[in-house]
Amino acid sequence: MFRKLTRSEAKAELARKGWSNRALAKWWECTEEYSSKVVNDENRKRHFDDALRGLPVCPKELRDGDKN
C-alpha cells in the first residue's frame, strides 16, 4: 500500500512538474488558499495524493500566467 505524501514530498512533486500554487488553483478551478491547504495538509485524503502524483507537466500558458 502506498503511503501518503509528506508536505515536502507534495511540494517537490509540484515543483518537479513546474506547478506553482497559483497555476494549480487555476487547473483545479479553486482558490489558491484551497490548493495550498491541500498541498500543506499531511492528513489530506488519499485521492489528493493521487491527483498530485498524476498531474501532467504544468502547461506553459499557466506557468507564464504566474509572471503577471
N, C-alpha and C. Protein backbone atom coordinates (compact mmCIF):
# COMPACT_ATOMS: atom_id res chain seq x y z
N MET A 1 0.85 -1.20 0.00
CA MET A 1 0.00 0.00 0.00
C MET A 1 0.88 1.25 0.00
N PHE A 2 0.49 2.22 -0.79
CA PHE A 2 1.26 3.46 -0.85
C PHE A 2 1.02 4.30 0.39
N ARG A 3 2.05 4.94 0.83
CA ARG A 3 1.91 5.86 1.96
C ARG A 3 1.56 7.25 1.43
N LYS A 4 1.02 8.05 2.30
CA LYS A 4 0.65 9.41 1.91
C LYS A 4 1.90 10.25 1.73
N LEU A 5 1.79 11.25 0.87
CA LEU A 5 2.89 12.18 0.64
C LEU A 5 3.06 13.08 1.86
N THR A 6 4.30 13.36 2.21
CA THR A 6 4.54 14.39 3.22
C THR A 6 4.35 15.74 2.55
N ARG A 7 4.31 16.78 3.35
CA ARG A 7 4.20 18.14 2.82
C ARG A 7 5.36 18.43 1.88
N SER A 8 6.56 18.07 2.29
CA SER A 8 7.75 18.30 1.45
C SER A 8 7.69 17.53 0.15
N GLU A 9 7.24 16.28 0.21
CA GLU A 9 7.13 15.47 -0.99
C GLU A 9 6.09 16.02 -1.95
N ALA A 10 4.97 16.50 -1.41
CA ALA A 10 3.92 17.08 -2.25
C ALA A 10 4.45 18.32 -2.96
N LYS A 11 5.15 19.18 -2.23
CA LYS A 11 5.70 20.39 -2.83
C LYS A 11 6.78 20.05 -3.87
N ALA A 12 7.59 19.04 -3.57
CA ALA A 12 8.63 18.64 -4.51
C ALA A 12 8.02 18.08 -5.80
N GLU A 13 6.95 17.33 -5.67
CA GLU A 13 6.27 16.76 -6.84
C GLU A 13 5.72 17.89 -7.72
N LEU A 14 5.13 18.89 -7.10
CA LEU A 14 4.63 20.04 -7.87
C LEU A 14 5.78 20.78 -8.56
N ALA A 15 6.85 21.01 -7.83
CA ALA A 15 7.99 21.73 -8.40
C ALA A 15 8.62 20.95 -9.55
N ARG A 16 8.71 19.64 -9.40
CA ARG A 16 9.30 18.79 -10.44
C ARG A 16 8.55 18.93 -11.76
N LYS A 17 7.24 19.14 -11.65
CA LYS A 17 6.39 19.25 -12.84
C LYS A 17 6.11 20.69 -13.24
N GLY A 18 6.74 21.64 -12.54
CA GLY A 18 6.62 23.05 -12.91
C GLY A 18 5.39 23.76 -12.39
N TRP A 19 4.72 23.20 -11.40
CA TRP A 19 3.49 23.80 -10.89
C TRP A 19 3.77 24.78 -9.76
N SER A 20 3.11 25.91 -9.79
CA SER A 20 3.05 26.83 -8.66
C SER A 20 1.67 26.65 -8.02
N ASN A 21 1.51 27.20 -6.85
CA ASN A 21 0.20 27.13 -6.20
C ASN A 21 -0.86 27.86 -7.03
N ARG A 22 -0.48 28.99 -7.61
CA ARG A 22 -1.42 29.77 -8.43
C ARG A 22 -1.86 28.96 -9.66
N ALA A 23 -0.89 28.34 -10.33
CA ALA A 23 -1.22 27.55 -11.52
C ALA A 23 -2.09 26.35 -11.15
N LEU A 24 -1.76 25.71 -10.03
CA LEU A 24 -2.55 24.55 -9.59
C LEU A 24 -3.99 24.97 -9.29
N ALA A 25 -4.17 26.10 -8.65
CA ALA A 25 -5.53 26.59 -8.35
C ALA A 25 -6.31 26.84 -9.64
N LYS A 26 -5.66 27.41 -10.64
CA LYS A 26 -6.34 27.62 -11.92
C LYS A 26 -6.71 26.29 -12.55
N TRP A 27 -5.80 25.32 -12.52
CA TRP A 27 -6.03 24.00 -13.12
C TRP A 27 -7.18 23.28 -12.42
N TRP A 28 -7.18 23.33 -11.11
CA TRP A 28 -8.23 22.66 -10.32
C TRP A 28 -9.51 23.49 -10.20
N GLU A 29 -9.48 24.72 -10.71
CA GLU A 29 -10.62 25.63 -10.65
C GLU A 29 -11.08 25.86 -9.21
N CYS A 30 -10.11 26.24 -8.40
CA CYS A 30 -10.39 26.53 -6.99
C CYS A 30 -9.56 27.75 -6.59
N THR A 31 -9.66 28.14 -5.35
CA THR A 31 -8.86 29.27 -4.88
C THR A 31 -7.44 28.83 -4.56
N GLU A 32 -6.53 29.79 -4.56
CA GLU A 32 -5.15 29.49 -4.18
C GLU A 32 -5.09 29.03 -2.72
N GLU A 33 -5.95 29.57 -1.90
CA GLU A 33 -5.98 29.17 -0.49
C GLU A 33 -6.34 27.69 -0.35
N TYR A 34 -7.30 27.24 -1.15
CA TYR A 34 -7.72 25.84 -1.08
C TYR A 34 -6.62 24.90 -1.58
N SER A 35 -6.00 25.23 -2.72
CA SER A 35 -4.94 24.35 -3.23
C SER A 35 -3.76 24.32 -2.28
N SER A 36 -3.45 25.44 -1.66
CA SER A 36 -2.37 25.49 -0.67
C SER A 36 -2.71 24.62 0.54
N LYS A 37 -3.95 24.70 0.98
CA LYS A 37 -4.39 23.88 2.12
C LYS A 37 -4.23 22.40 1.80
N VAL A 38 -4.61 21.99 0.61
CA VAL A 38 -4.48 20.58 0.21
C VAL A 38 -3.02 20.15 0.22
N VAL A 39 -2.16 20.94 -0.40
CA VAL A 39 -0.74 20.59 -0.50
C VAL A 39 -0.09 20.52 0.87
N ASN A 40 -0.44 21.43 1.75
CA ASN A 40 0.22 21.52 3.06
C ASN A 40 -0.37 20.60 4.12
N ASP A 41 -1.51 19.99 3.85
CA ASP A 41 -2.18 19.13 4.83
C ASP A 41 -1.67 17.69 4.70
N GLU A 42 -0.86 17.26 5.67
CA GLU A 42 -0.34 15.89 5.62
C GLU A 42 -1.41 14.85 5.95
N ASN A 43 -2.57 15.30 6.39
CA ASN A 43 -3.70 14.40 6.65
C ASN A 43 -4.72 14.47 5.53
N ARG A 44 -4.28 14.96 4.35
CA ARG A 44 -5.18 15.08 3.21
C ARG A 44 -5.71 13.70 2.83
N LYS A 45 -6.86 13.67 2.21
CA LYS A 45 -7.43 12.41 1.73
C LYS A 45 -6.55 11.86 0.61
N ARG A 46 -6.53 10.56 0.52
CA ARG A 46 -5.64 9.86 -0.41
C ARG A 46 -5.87 10.29 -1.87
N HIS A 47 -7.11 10.61 -2.22
CA HIS A 47 -7.35 10.99 -3.62
C HIS A 47 -6.60 12.26 -4.01
N PHE A 48 -6.29 13.13 -3.04
CA PHE A 48 -5.49 14.30 -3.36
C PHE A 48 -4.04 13.91 -3.65
N ASP A 49 -3.51 12.94 -2.93
CA ASP A 49 -2.17 12.44 -3.25
C ASP A 49 -2.15 11.86 -4.65
N ASP A 50 -3.18 11.10 -4.99
CA ASP A 50 -3.28 10.54 -6.35
C ASP A 50 -3.31 11.67 -7.38
N ALA A 51 -4.07 12.72 -7.08
CA ALA A 51 -4.17 13.85 -8.01
C ALA A 51 -2.82 14.55 -8.15
N LEU A 52 -2.12 14.75 -7.05
CA LEU A 52 -0.81 15.41 -7.11
C LEU A 52 0.20 14.56 -7.88
N ARG A 53 0.20 13.27 -7.62
CA ARG A 53 1.13 12.38 -8.32
C ARG A 53 0.81 12.30 -9.81
N GLY A 54 -0.46 12.41 -10.16
CA GLY A 54 -0.88 12.23 -11.54
C GLY A 54 -0.92 13.50 -12.37
N LEU A 55 -0.56 14.64 -11.79
CA LEU A 55 -0.59 15.88 -12.56
C LEU A 55 0.36 15.80 -13.75
N PRO A 56 -0.07 16.36 -14.87
CA PRO A 56 0.87 16.46 -16.01
C PRO A 56 1.89 17.56 -15.72
N VAL A 57 2.85 17.69 -16.58
CA VAL A 57 3.74 18.85 -16.51
C VAL A 57 2.86 20.09 -16.71
N CYS A 58 3.13 21.11 -15.93
CA CYS A 58 2.31 22.32 -15.99
C CYS A 58 2.35 22.93 -17.39
N PRO A 59 1.17 23.18 -17.97
CA PRO A 59 1.13 23.80 -19.30
C PRO A 59 1.81 25.18 -19.28
N LYS A 60 2.50 25.46 -20.36
CA LYS A 60 3.26 26.71 -20.46
C LYS A 60 2.38 27.95 -20.20
N GLU A 61 1.17 27.93 -20.72
CA GLU A 61 0.32 29.12 -20.55
C GLU A 61 -0.03 29.36 -19.07
N LEU A 62 -0.09 28.32 -18.26
CA LEU A 62 -0.32 28.51 -16.83
C LEU A 62 0.95 28.97 -16.13
N ARG A 63 2.09 28.45 -16.55
CA ARG A 63 3.37 28.90 -15.97
C ARG A 63 3.60 30.36 -16.30
N ASP A 64 3.33 30.74 -17.55
CA ASP A 64 3.53 32.13 -17.97
C ASP A 64 2.58 33.07 -17.23
N GLY A 65 1.40 32.59 -16.88
CA GLY A 65 0.43 33.40 -16.17
C GLY A 65 0.88 33.79 -14.78
N ASP A 66 1.84 33.03 -14.21
CA ASP A 66 2.36 33.35 -12.87
C ASP A 66 3.23 34.58 -12.86
N LYS A 67 3.70 34.99 -14.02
CA LYS A 67 4.63 36.11 -14.10
C LYS A 67 3.91 37.45 -14.13
N ASN A 68 2.58 37.42 -14.23
CA ASN A 68 1.80 38.66 -14.30
C ASN A 68 1.38 39.10 -12.92
